[in-house]
Amino acid sequence: MSTKELVQTAIETVVTETFSIMLFNDHVNSFDWVIQSLVDVCDHTPTQAEQCALIVHYKGKYVIKSGEKRDMINRSIALLDRGLTVEVV
């Protein structure tokens, strides 16, 4: 393989598609429940979870986590099970 082919192969290996979990505002869940859910399911710190909850409250939606497709699907299912409104994008 030439150097160019090796570099191209390395770049293709590193570039992976990233998926995100979008959290939507609702009028059902309390701030405390949303914050606790983000800490438990998304591994956020309490401060990070609180900031996400506030952004969702004021903006209507916010990307709360990004990563590999399977991981984002599993986390979104856990959030849906807790009554939150999310979508993998």
PDB file of N, CA and C in Angstrom:
ATOM      1  N   MET A   1       0.835  -1.185   0.000  1.00  0.00           N
ATOM      2  CA  MET A   1       0.000   0.000   0.000  1.00  0.00           C
ATOM      3  C   MET A   1       0.874   1.241   0.000  1.00  0.00           C
ATOM      4  N   SER A   2       0.412   2.243  -0.721  1.00  0.00           N
ATOM      5  CA  SER A   2       1.136   3.513  -0.727  1.00  0.00           C
ATOM      6  C   SER A   2       0.783   4.306   0.522  1.00  0.00           C
ATOM      7  N   THR A   3       1.562   5.328   0.783  1.00  0.00           N
ATOM      8  CA  THR A   3       1.306   6.197   1.935  1.00  0.00           C
ATOM      9  C   THR A   3      -0.068   6.837   1.827  1.00  0.00           C
ATOM     10  N   LYS A   4      -0.425   7.254   0.613  1.00  0.00           N
ATOM     11  CA  LYS A   4      -1.728   7.887   0.404  1.00  0.00           C
ATOM     12  C   LYS A   4      -2.864   6.916   0.745  1.00  0.00           C
ATOM     13  N   GLU A   5      -2.741   5.668   0.339  1.00  0.00           N
ATOM     14  CA  GLU A   5      -3.771   4.665   0.636  1.00  0.00           C
ATOM     15  C   GLU A   5      -3.857   4.388   2.127  1.00  0.00           C
ATOM     16  N   LEU A   6      -2.698   4.349   2.800  1.00  0.00           N
ATOM     17  CA  LEU A   6      -2.692   4.134   4.251  1.00  0.00           C
ATOM     18  C   LEU A   6      -3.377   5.277   4.981  1.00  0.00           C
ATOM     19  N   VAL A   7      -3.091   6.503   4.561  1.00  0.00           N
ATOM     20  CA  VAL A   7      -3.710   7.678   5.184  1.00  0.00           C
ATOM     21  C   VAL A   7      -5.214   7.661   4.946  1.00  0.00           C
ATOM     22  N   GLN A   8      -5.636   7.360   3.729  1.00  0.00           N
ATOM     23  CA  GLN A   8      -7.067   7.308   3.408  1.00  0.00           C
ATOM     24  C   GLN A   8      -7.769   6.248   4.244  1.00  0.00           C
ATOM     25  N   THR A   9      -7.156   5.082   4.381  1.00  0.00           N
ATOM     26  CA  THR A   9      -7.726   4.006   5.182  1.00  0.00           C
ATOM     27  C   THR A   9      -7.838   4.421   6.640  1.00  0.00           C
ATOM     28  N   ALA A  10      -6.823   5.086   7.172  1.00  0.00           N
ATOM     29  CA  ALA A  10      -6.837   5.549   8.558  1.00  0.00           C
ATOM     30  C   ALA A  10      -7.935   6.580   8.772  1.00  0.00           C
ATOM     31  N   ILE A  11      -8.106   7.487   7.818  1.00  0.00           N
ATOM     32  CA  ILE A  11      -9.142   8.521   7.931  1.00  0.00           C
ATOM     33  C   ILE A  11     -10.525   7.873   7.914  1.00  0.00           C
ATOM     34  N   GLU A  12     -10.749   6.929   7.030  1.00  0.00           N
ATOM     35  CA  GLU A  12     -12.042   6.261   6.944  1.00  0.00           C
ATOM     36  C   GLU A  12     -12.347   5.486   8.222  1.00  0.00           C
ATOM     37  N   THR A  13     -11.330   4.952   8.852  1.00  0.00           N
ATOM     38  CA  THR A  13     -11.515   4.210  10.092  1.00  0.00           C
ATOM     39  C   THR A  13     -11.891   5.133  11.239  1.00  0.00           C
ATOM     40  N   VAL A  14     -11.268   6.318  11.277  1.00  0.00           N
ATOM     41  CA  VAL A  14     -11.506   7.265  12.364  1.00  0.00           C
ATOM     42  C   VAL A  14     -12.865   7.929  12.235  1.00  0.00           C
ATOM     43  N   VAL A  15     -13.290   8.225  11.015  1.00  0.00           N
ATOM     44  CA  VAL A  15     -14.557   8.915  10.796  1.00  0.00           C
ATOM     45  C   VAL A  15     -15.699   7.923  10.968  1.00  0.00           C
ATOM     46  N   THR A  16     -16.468   8.115  12.014  1.00  0.00           N
ATOM     47  CA  THR A  16     -17.649   7.289  12.245  1.00  0.00           C
ATOM     48  C   THR A  16     -18.847   8.222  12.389  1.00  0.00           C
ATOM     49  N   GLU A  17     -19.980   7.709  12.045  1.00  0.00           N
ATOM     50  CA  GLU A  17     -21.196   8.518  12.130  1.00  0.00           C
ATOM     51  C   GLU A  17     -21.597   8.686  13.586  1.00  0.00           C
ATOM     52  N   THR A  18     -21.879   9.915  13.954  1.00  0.00           N
ATOM     53  CA  THR A  18     -22.275  10.227  15.317  1.00  0.00           C
ATOM     54  C   THR A  18     -23.777  10.500  15.355  1.00  0.00           C
ATOM     55  N   PHE A  19     -24.420   9.972  16.362  1.00  0.00           N
ATOM     56  CA  PHE A  19     -25.846  10.188  16.578  1.00  0.00           C
ATOM     57  C   PHE A  19     -26.029  10.969  17.871  1.00  0.00           C
ATOM     58  N   SER A  20     -27.152  11.636  17.991  1.00  0.00           N
ATOM     59  CA  SER A  20     -27.420  12.464  19.168  1.00  0.00           C
ATOM     60  C   SER A  20     -28.805  12.183  19.714  1.00  0.00           C
ATOM     61  N   ILE A  21     -28.958  12.438  21.007  1.00  0.00           N
ATOM     62  CA  ILE A  21     -30.272  12.354  21.642  1.00  0.00           C
ATOM     63  C   ILE A  21     -30.780  13.774  21.834  1.00  0.00           C
ATOM     64  N   MET A  22     -31.933  14.045  21.239  1.00  0.00           N
ATOM     65  CA  MET A  22     -32.590  15.340  21.382  1.00  0.00           C
ATOM     66  C   MET A  22     -33.673  15.195  22.451  1.00  0.00           C
ATOM     67  N   LEU A  23     -33.606  16.023  23.475  1.00  0.00           N
ATOM     68  CA  LEU A  23     -34.619  16.056  24.528  1.00  0.00           C
ATOM     69  C   LEU A  23     -35.564  17.211  24.254  1.00  0.00           C
ATOM     70  N   PHE A  24     -36.873  16.938  24.343  1.00  0.00           N
ATOM     71  CA  PHE A  24     -37.887  17.953  24.087  1.00  0.00           C
ATOM     72  C   PHE A  24     -38.560  18.367  25.391  1.00  0.00           C
ATOM     73  N   ASN A  25     -38.952  19.623  25.439  1.00  0.00           N
ATOM     74  CA  ASN A  25     -39.657  20.148  26.596  1.00  0.00           C
ATOM     75  C   ASN A  25     -41.057  19.539  26.680  1.00  0.00           C
ATOM     76  N   ASP A  26     -41.507  19.319  27.885  1.00  0.00           N
ATOM     77  CA  ASP A  26     -42.889  18.905  28.105  1.00  0.00           C
ATOM     78  C   ASP A  26     -43.398  19.606  29.356  1.00  0.00           C
ATOM     79  N   HIS A  27     -44.663  19.466  29.605  1.00  0.00           N
ATOM     80  CA  HIS A  27     -45.259  20.102  30.775  1.00  0.00           C
ATOM     81  C   HIS A  27     -45.679  19.047  31.791  1.00  0.00           C
ATOM     82  N   VAL A  28     -45.024  17.900  31.741  1.00  0.00           N
ATOM     83  CA  VAL A  28     -45.376  16.778  32.601  1.00  0.00           C
ATOM     84  C   VAL A  28     -44.296  16.509  33.644  1.00  0.00           C
ATOM     85  N   ASN A  29     -43.047  16.416  33.194  1.00  0.00           N
ATOM     86  CA  ASN A  29     -41.945  16.035  34.079  1.00  0.00           C
ATOM     87  C   ASN A  29     -41.378  17.234  34.832  1.00  0.00           C
ATOM     88  N   SER A  30     -41.047  17.009  36.091  1.00  0.00           N
ATOM     89  CA  SER A  30     -40.458  18.069  36.905  1.00  0.00           C
ATOM     90  C   SER A  30     -38.985  18.242  36.554  1.00  0.00           C
ATOM     91  N   PHE A  31     -38.439  19.405  36.885  1.00  0.00           N
ATOM     92  CA  PHE A  31     -37.018  19.645  36.678  1.00  0.00           C
ATOM     93  C   PHE A  31     -36.190  18.594  37.403  1.00  0.00           C
ATOM     94  N   ASP A  32     -36.576  18.301  38.632  1.00  0.00           N
ATOM     95  CA  ASP A  32     -35.822  17.322  39.423  1.00  0.00           C
ATOM     96  C   ASP A  32     -35.799  15.963  38.751  1.00  0.00           C
ATOM     97  N   TRP A  33     -36.927  15.542  38.174  1.00  0.00           N
ATOM     98  CA  TRP A  33     -36.987  14.233  37.512  1.00  0.00           C
ATOM     99  C   TRP A  33     -36.113  14.223  36.246  1.00  0.00           C
ATOM    100  N   VAL A  34     -36.178  15.305  35.475  1.00  0.00           N
ATOM    101  CA  VAL A  34     -35.362  15.392  34.260  1.00  0.00           C
ATOM    102  C   VAL A  34     -33.880  15.380  34.631  1.00  0.00           C
ATOM    103  N   ILE A  35     -33.514  16.158  35.616  1.00  0.00           N
ATOM    104  CA  ILE A  35     -32.118  16.223  36.057  1.00  0.00           C
ATOM    105  C   ILE A  35     -31.644  14.852  36.531  1.00  0.00           C
ATOM    106  N   GLN A  36     -32.431  14.201  37.372  1.00  0.00           N
ATOM    107  CA  GLN A  36     -32.044  12.879  37.873  1.00  0.00           C
ATOM    108  C   GLN A  36     -31.939  11.870  36.737  1.00  0.00           C
ATOM    109  N   SER A  37     -32.829  11.948  35.777  1.00  0.00           N
ATOM    110  CA  SER A  37     -32.792  11.030  34.631  1.00  0.00           C
ATOM    111  C   SER A  37     -31.532  11.236  33.792  1.00  0.00           C
ATOM    112  N   LEU A  38     -31.149  12.485  33.576  1.00  0.00           N
ATOM    113  CA  LEU A  38     -29.937  12.765  32.803  1.00  0.00           C
ATOM    114  C   LEU A  38     -28.685  12.296  33.540  1.00  0.00           C
ATOM    115  N   VAL A  39     -28.697  12.424  34.851  1.00  0.00           N
ATOM    116  CA  VAL A  39     -27.568  11.931  35.655  1.00  0.00           C
ATOM    117  C   VAL A  39     -27.506  10.408  35.561  1.00  0.00           C
ATOM    118  N   ASP A  40     -28.639   9.754  35.747  1.00  0.00           N
ATOM    119  CA  ASP A  40     -28.677   8.288  35.777  1.00  0.00           C
ATOM    120  C   ASP A  40     -28.429   7.652  34.406  1.00  0.00           C
ATOM    121  N   VAL A  41     -29.049   8.192  33.379  1.00  0.00           N
ATOM    122  CA  VAL A  41     -29.029   7.544  32.066  1.00  0.00           C
ATOM    123  C   VAL A  41     -27.897   8.060  31.173  1.00  0.00           C
ATOM    124  N   CYS A  42     -27.631   9.351  31.234  1.00  0.00           N
ATOM    125  CA  CYS A  42     -26.651   9.943  30.315  1.00  0.00           C
ATOM    126  C   CYS A  42     -25.295  10.204  30.964  1.00  0.00           C
ATOM    127  N   ASP A  43     -25.161   9.840  32.232  1.00  0.00           N
ATOM    128  CA  ASP A  43     -23.907  10.046  32.960  1.00  0.00           C
ATOM    129  C   ASP A  43     -23.509  11.517  33.065  1.00  0.00           C
ATOM    130  N   HIS A  44     -24.506  12.398  33.116  1.00  0.00           N
ATOM    131  CA  HIS A  44     -24.222  13.820  33.304  1.00  0.00           C
ATOM    132  C   HIS A  44     -23.884  14.080  34.766  1.00  0.00           C
ATOM    133  N   THR A  45     -23.148  15.139  35.003  1.00  0.00           N
ATOM    134  CA  THR A  45     -22.997  15.625  36.371  1.00  0.00           C
ATOM    135  C   THR A  45     -24.296  16.344  36.721  1.00  0.00           C
ATOM    136  N   PRO A  46     -24.591  16.513  38.003  1.00  0.00           N
ATOM    137  CA  PRO A  46     -25.815  17.252  38.351  1.00  0.00           C
ATOM    138  C   PRO A  46     -25.855  18.658  37.741  1.00  0.00           C
ATOM    139  N   THR A  47     -24.729  19.332  37.708  1.00  0.00           N
ATOM    140  CA  THR A  47     -24.679  20.684  37.138  1.00  0.00           C
ATOM    141  C   THR A  47     -24.959  20.648  35.637  1.00  0.00           C
ATOM    142  N   GLN A  48     -24.343  19.709  34.936  1.00  0.00           N
ATOM    143  CA  GLN A  48     -24.560  19.572  33.502  1.00  0.00           C
ATOM    144  C   GLN A  48     -26.024  19.236  33.213  1.00  0.00           C
ATOM    145  N   ALA A  49     -26.600  18.338  33.989  1.00  0.00           N
ATOM    146  CA  ALA A  49     -28.000  17.949  33.802  1.00  0.00           C
ATOM    147  C   ALA A  49     -28.926  19.132  34.046  1.00  0.00           C
ATOM    148  N   GLU A  50     -28.636  19.921  35.063  1.00  0.00           N
ATOM    149  CA  GLU A  50     -29.451  21.099  35.360  1.00  0.00           C
ATOM    150  C   GLU A  50     -29.392  22.106  34.210  1.00  0.00           C
ATOM    151  N   GLN A  51     -28.198  22.322  33.669  1.00  0.00           N
ATOM    152  CA  GLN A  51     -28.053  23.253  32.548  1.00  0.00           C
ATOM    153  C   GLN A  51     -28.830  22.759  31.324  1.00  0.00           C
ATOM    154  N   CYS A  52     -28.758  21.464  31.035  1.00  0.00           N
ATOM    155  CA  CYS A  52     -29.517  20.901  29.913  1.00  0.00           C
ATOM    156  C   CYS A  52     -31.013  21.087  30.126  1.00  0.00           C
ATOM    157  N   ALA A  53     -31.477  20.817  31.337  1.00  0.00           N
ATOM    158  CA  ALA A  53     -32.907  20.956  31.643  1.00  0.00           C
ATOM    159  C   ALA A  53     -33.374  22.395  31.448  1.00  0.00           C
ATOM    160  N   LEU A  54     -32.563  23.340  31.861  1.00  0.00           N
ATOM    161  CA  LEU A  54     -32.924  24.751  31.690  1.00  0.00           C
ATOM    162  C   LEU A  54     -32.963  25.146  30.215  1.00  0.00           C
ATOM    163  N   ILE A  55     -31.984  24.691  29.449  1.00  0.00           N
ATOM    164  CA  ILE A  55     -31.968  24.998  28.017  1.00  0.00           C
ATOM    165  C   ILE A  55     -33.204  24.412  27.341  1.00  0.00           C
ATOM    166  N   VAL A  56     -33.545  23.164  27.671  1.00  0.00           N
ATOM    167  CA  VAL A  56     -34.735  22.526  27.091  1.00  0.00           C
ATOM    168  C   VAL A  56     -35.983  23.314  27.471  1.00  0.00           C
ATOM    169  N   HIS A  57     -36.053  23.753  28.709  1.00  0.00           N
ATOM    170  CA  HIS A  57     -37.219  24.507  29.182  1.00  0.00           C
ATOM    171  C   HIS A  57     -37.404  25.799  28.375  1.00  0.00           C
ATOM    172  N   TYR A  58     -36.304  26.514  28.145  1.00  0.00           N
ATOM    173  CA  TYR A  58     -36.405  27.812  27.479  1.00  0.00           C
ATOM    174  C   TYR A  58     -36.360  27.741  25.961  1.00  0.00           C
ATOM    175  N   LYS A  59     -35.678  26.754  25.405  1.00  0.00           N
ATOM    176  CA  LYS A  59     -35.534  26.650  23.947  1.00  0.00           C
ATOM    177  C   LYS A  59     -36.477  25.629  23.317  1.00  0.00           C
ATOM    178  N   GLY A  60     -37.038  24.719  24.123  1.00  0.00           N
ATOM    179  CA  GLY A  60     -37.971  23.734  23.603  1.00  0.00           C
ATOM    180  C   GLY A  60     -37.352  22.388  23.291  1.00  0.00           C
ATOM    181  N   LYS A  61     -36.052  22.384  23.002  1.00  0.00           N
ATOM    182  CA  LYS A  61     -35.343  21.132  22.725  1.00  0.00           C
ATOM    183  C   LYS A  61     -33.848  21.391  22.837  1.00  0.00           C
ATOM    184  N   TYR A  62     -33.100  20.280  23.019  1.00  0.00           N
ATOM    185  CA  TYR A  62     -31.650  20.410  23.146  1.00  0.00           C
ATOM    186  C   TYR A  62     -31.002  19.038  22.994  1.00  0.00           C
ATOM    187  N   VAL A  63     -29.862  18.997  22.320  1.00  0.00           N
ATOM    188  CA  VAL A  63     -29.101  17.760  22.197  1.00  0.00           C
ATOM    189  C   VAL A  63     -28.386  17.521  23.525  1.00  0.00           C
ATOM    190  N   ILE A  64     -28.737  16.417  24.182  1.00  0.00           N
ATOM    191  CA  ILE A  64     -28.214  16.149  25.523  1.00  0.00           C
ATOM    192  C   ILE A  64     -27.069  15.150  25.546  1.00  0.00           C
ATOM    193  N   LYS A  65     -26.891  14.401  24.455  1.00  0.00           N
ATOM    194  CA  LYS A  65     -25.837  13.386  24.418  1.00  0.00           C
ATOM    195  C   LYS A  65     -25.574  13.014  22.963  1.00  0.00           C
ATOM    196  N   SER A  66     -24.304  12.771  22.638  1.00  0.00           N
ATOM    197  CA  SER A  66     -23.920  12.326  21.296  1.00  0.00           C
ATOM    198  C   SER A  66     -22.979  11.147  21.414  1.00  0.00           C
ATOM    199  N   GLY A  67     -23.040  10.269  20.423  1.00  0.00           N
ATOM    200  CA  GLY A  67     -22.155   9.126  20.432  1.00  0.00           C
ATOM    201  C   GLY A  67     -22.563   8.081  19.408  1.00  0.00           C
ATOM    202  N   GLU A  68     -22.139   6.857  19.663  1.00  0.00           N
ATOM    203  CA  GLU A  68     -22.410   5.736  18.770  1.00  0.00           C
ATOM    204  C   GLU A  68     -23.914   5.437  18.721  1.00  0.00           C
ATOM    205  N   LYS A  69     -24.373   5.022  17.567  1.00  0.00           N
ATOM    206  CA  LYS A  69     -25.799   4.802  17.338  1.00  0.00           C
ATOM    207  C   LYS A  69     -26.430   3.878  18.377  1.00  0.00           C
ATOM    208  N   ARG A  70     -25.878   2.697  18.579  1.00  0.00           N
ATOM    209  CA  ARG A  70     -26.460   1.716  19.498  1.00  0.00           C
ATOM    210  C   ARG A  70     -26.551   2.291  20.909  1.00  0.00           C
ATOM    211  N   ASP A  71     -25.505   2.985  21.357  1.00  0.00           N
ATOM    212  CA  ASP A  71     -25.502   3.581  22.691  1.00  0.00           C
ATOM    213  C   ASP A  71     -26.595   4.642  22.816  1.00  0.00           C
ATOM    214  N   MET A  72     -26.743   5.475  21.784  1.00  0.00           N
ATOM    215  CA  MET A  72     -27.759   6.526  21.831  1.00  0.00           C
ATOM    216  C   MET A  72     -29.158   5.930  21.817  1.00  0.00           C
ATOM    217  N   ILE A  73     -29.356   4.848  21.070  1.00  0.00           N
ATOM    218  CA  ILE A  73     -30.666   4.186  21.048  1.00  0.00           C
ATOM    219  C   ILE A  73     -30.985   3.605  22.426  1.00  0.00           C
ATOM    220  N   ASN A  74     -30.020   2.926  23.018  1.00  0.00           N
ATOM    221  CA  ASN A  74     -30.247   2.333  24.345  1.00  0.00           C
ATOM    222  C   ASN A  74     -30.542   3.395  25.395  1.00  0.00           C
ATOM    223  N   ARG A  75     -29.800   4.488  25.370  1.00  0.00           N
ATOM    224  CA  ARG A  75     -30.039   5.567  26.341  1.00  0.00           C
ATOM    225  C   ARG A  75     -31.392   6.235  26.090  1.00  0.00           C
ATOM    226  N   SER A  76     -31.751   6.415  24.820  1.00  0.00           N
ATOM    227  CA  SER A  76     -33.036   7.056  24.528  1.00  0.00           C
ATOM    228  C   SER A  76     -34.197   6.177  24.985  1.00  0.00           C
ATOM    229  N   ILE A  77     -34.067   4.872  24.853  1.00  0.00           N
ATOM    230  CA  ILE A  77     -35.109   3.956  25.334  1.00  0.00           C
ATOM    231  C   ILE A  77     -35.258   4.095  26.856  1.00  0.00           C
ATOM    232  N   ALA A  78     -34.138   4.175  27.551  1.00  0.00           N
ATOM    233  CA  ALA A  78     -34.183   4.337  29.006  1.00  0.00           C
ATOM    234  C   ALA A  78     -34.852   5.662  29.388  1.00  0.00           C
ATOM    235  N   LEU A  79     -34.583   6.708  28.632  1.00  0.00           N
ATOM    236  CA  LEU A  79     -35.208   8.007  28.912  1.00  0.00           C
ATOM    237  C   LEU A  79     -36.703   7.969  28.593  1.00  0.00           C
ATOM    238  N   LEU A  80     -37.067   7.317  27.493  1.00  0.00           N
ATOM    239  CA  LEU A  80     -38.487   7.157  27.157  1.00  0.00           C
ATOM    240  C   LEU A  80     -39.216   6.377  28.244  1.00  0.00           C
ATOM    241  N   ASP A  81     -38.560   5.339  28.780  1.00  0.00           N
ATOM    242  CA  ASP A  81     -39.156   4.551  29.864  1.00  0.00           C
ATOM    243  C   ASP A  81     -39.410   5.393  31.105  1.00  0.00           C
ATOM    244  N   ARG A  82     -38.647   6.470  31.262  1.00  0.00           N
ATOM    245  CA  ARG A  82     -38.819   7.380  32.398  1.00  0.00           C
ATOM    246  C   ARG A  82     -39.852   8.480  32.090  1.00  0.00           C
ATOM    247  N   GLY A  83     -40.423   8.452  30.898  1.00  0.00           N
ATOM    248  CA  GLY A  83     -41.460   9.413  30.547  1.00  0.00           C
ATOM    249  C   GLY A  83     -40.964  10.673  29.866  1.00  0.00           C
ATOM    250  N   LEU A  84     -39.687  10.737  29.544  1.00  0.00           N
ATOM    251  CA  LEU A  84     -39.161  11.911  28.855  1.00  0.00           C
ATOM    252  C   LEU A  84     -39.416  11.774  27.358  1.00  0.00           C
ATOM    253  N   THR A  85     -39.475  12.891  26.676  1.00  0.00           N
ATOM    254  CA  THR A  85     -39.694  12.909  25.242  1.00  0.00           C
ATOM    255  C   THR A  85     -38.353  13.144  24.552  1.00  0.00           C
ATOM    256  N   VAL A  86     -37.854  12.115  23.860  1.00  0.00           N
ATOM    257  CA  VAL A  86     -36.559  12.198  23.202  1.00  0.00           C
ATOM    258  C   VAL A  86     -36.640  11.605  21.806  1.00  0.00           C
ATOM    259  N   GLU A  87     -35.628  11.918  21.016  1.00  0.00           N
ATOM    260  CA  GLU A  87     -35.501  11.388  19.670  1.00  0.00           C
ATOM    261  C   GLU A  87     -34.022  11.246  19.348  1.00  0.00           C
ATOM    262  N   VAL A  88     -33.665  10.157  18.690  1.00  0.00           N
ATOM    263  CA  VAL A  88     -32.285   9.991  18.229  1.00  0.00           C
ATOM    264  C   VAL A  88     -32.181  10.637  16.863  1.00  0.00           C
ATOM    265  N   VAL A  89     -31.252  11.567  16.729  1.00  0.00           N
ATOM    266  CA  VAL A  89     -31.066  12.294  15.461  1.00  0.00           C
ATOM    267  C   VAL A  89     -29.639  12.149  14.976  1.00  0.00           C
TER     268      VAL A  89
END
